[in-house]
């Protein structure tokens, strides 16, 4: 999925994650500076369930922030 995001013109910035009790979270963060847009590939594991999703966040010239996301797949 990283390659697909980069093919759309996004630059990989960093990977971040944290664990809390039975929860694990991982984010791979990208940006497209020209379009003022960030994308993140996110993985969330909670107990015996996991899912991943993609977020897109844009900033308009007047300072508004627009965000959307799509859950890509539950994982067993």
Protein backbone atom coordinates (compact mmCIF):
# COMPACT_ATOMS: atom_id res chain seq x y z
CA UNK A 1 0.00 0.00 0.00
CA UNK A 2 2.95 2.33 0.64
CA UNK A 3 3.94 2.14 -3.01
CA UNK A 4 0.41 3.00 -4.13
CA UNK A 5 0.34 6.13 -1.94
CA UNK A 6 3.79 7.20 -3.15
CA UNK A 7 2.74 6.67 -6.78
CA UNK A 8 0.05 9.31 -6.18
CA UNK A 9 2.75 11.88 -5.39
CA UNK A 10 2.95 11.57 -1.61
CA UNK A 11 6.29 11.62 0.24
CA UNK A 12 6.79 9.22 3.19
CA UNK A 13 7.49 11.31 6.32
CA UNK A 14 7.65 8.86 9.21
CA UNK A 15 6.22 5.84 10.98
CA UNK A 16 4.74 6.20 14.44
CA UNK A 17 3.05 3.78 16.80
CA UNK A 18 2.15 3.05 20.36
CA UNK A 19 0.93 0.18 22.52
CA UNK A 20 -1.53 0.47 25.37
CA UNK A 21 -2.61 -2.62 27.29
CA UNK A 22 -4.19 -4.90 24.62
CA UNK A 23 -4.22 -2.18 21.94
CA UNK A 24 -1.56 -1.54 19.29
CA UNK A 25 -1.60 1.34 16.82
CA UNK A 26 0.67 2.03 13.84
CA UNK A 27 0.59 5.00 11.46
CA UNK A 28 2.66 5.53 8.31
CA UNK A 29 2.43 9.25 7.52
CA UNK A 30 2.83 10.85 4.06
CA UNK A 31 2.43 14.35 2.64
CA UNK A 32 1.98 16.12 -0.64
CA UNK A 33 3.26 19.64 0.09
CA UNK A 34 2.09 21.05 -3.23
CA UNK A 35 -1.53 19.99 -2.59
CA UNK A 36 -1.38 20.72 1.17
CA UNK A 37 -2.51 17.15 1.84
CA UNK A 38 -1.49 14.40 4.25
CA UNK A 39 -2.24 10.69 3.96
CA UNK A 40 -1.84 8.03 6.65
CA UNK A 41 -1.98 4.27 6.49
CA UNK A 42 -3.25 3.16 9.89
CA UNK A 43 -3.34 -0.23 11.61
CA UNK A 44 -5.29 -0.80 14.80
CA UNK A 45 -5.11 -4.04 16.76
CA UNK A 46 -7.43 -4.51 19.73
CA UNK A 47 -7.40 -7.82 21.60
CA UNK A 48 -8.05 -10.44 18.88
CA UNK A 49 -9.34 -8.01 16.23
CA UNK A 50 -7.39 -5.84 13.78
CA UNK A 51 -8.29 -3.50 10.93
CA UNK A 52 -6.50 -1.00 8.74
CA UNK A 53 -7.64 2.19 7.12
CA UNK A 54 -6.42 5.14 5.08
CA UNK A 55 -6.93 8.77 6.06
CA UNK A 56 -6.62 11.83 3.81
CA UNK A 57 -6.39 15.30 5.37
CA UNK A 58 -6.35 18.52 3.30
CA UNK A 59 -5.91 22.13 4.31
CA UNK A 60 -7.65 24.82 2.30
CA UNK A 61 -5.98 28.19 1.63
CA UNK A 62 -8.35 29.84 4.15
CA UNK A 63 -7.27 27.44 6.93
CA UNK A 64 -10.12 24.90 6.96
CA UNK A 65 -9.19 21.25 7.47
CA UNK A 66 -11.00 18.53 5.52
CA UNK A 67 -10.58 14.86 6.47
CA UNK A 68 -11.92 11.58 5.19
CA UNK A 69 -11.08 7.94 5.73
CA UNK A 70 -11.89 4.50 4.43
CA UNK A 71 -11.65 1.20 6.28
CA UNK A 72 -9.86 -1.10 3.90
CA UNK A 73 -10.19 -4.51 5.50
CA UNK A 74 -10.87 -6.24 8.78
CA UNK A 75 -8.11 -8.69 9.61
CA UNK A 76 -8.61 -11.97 11.46
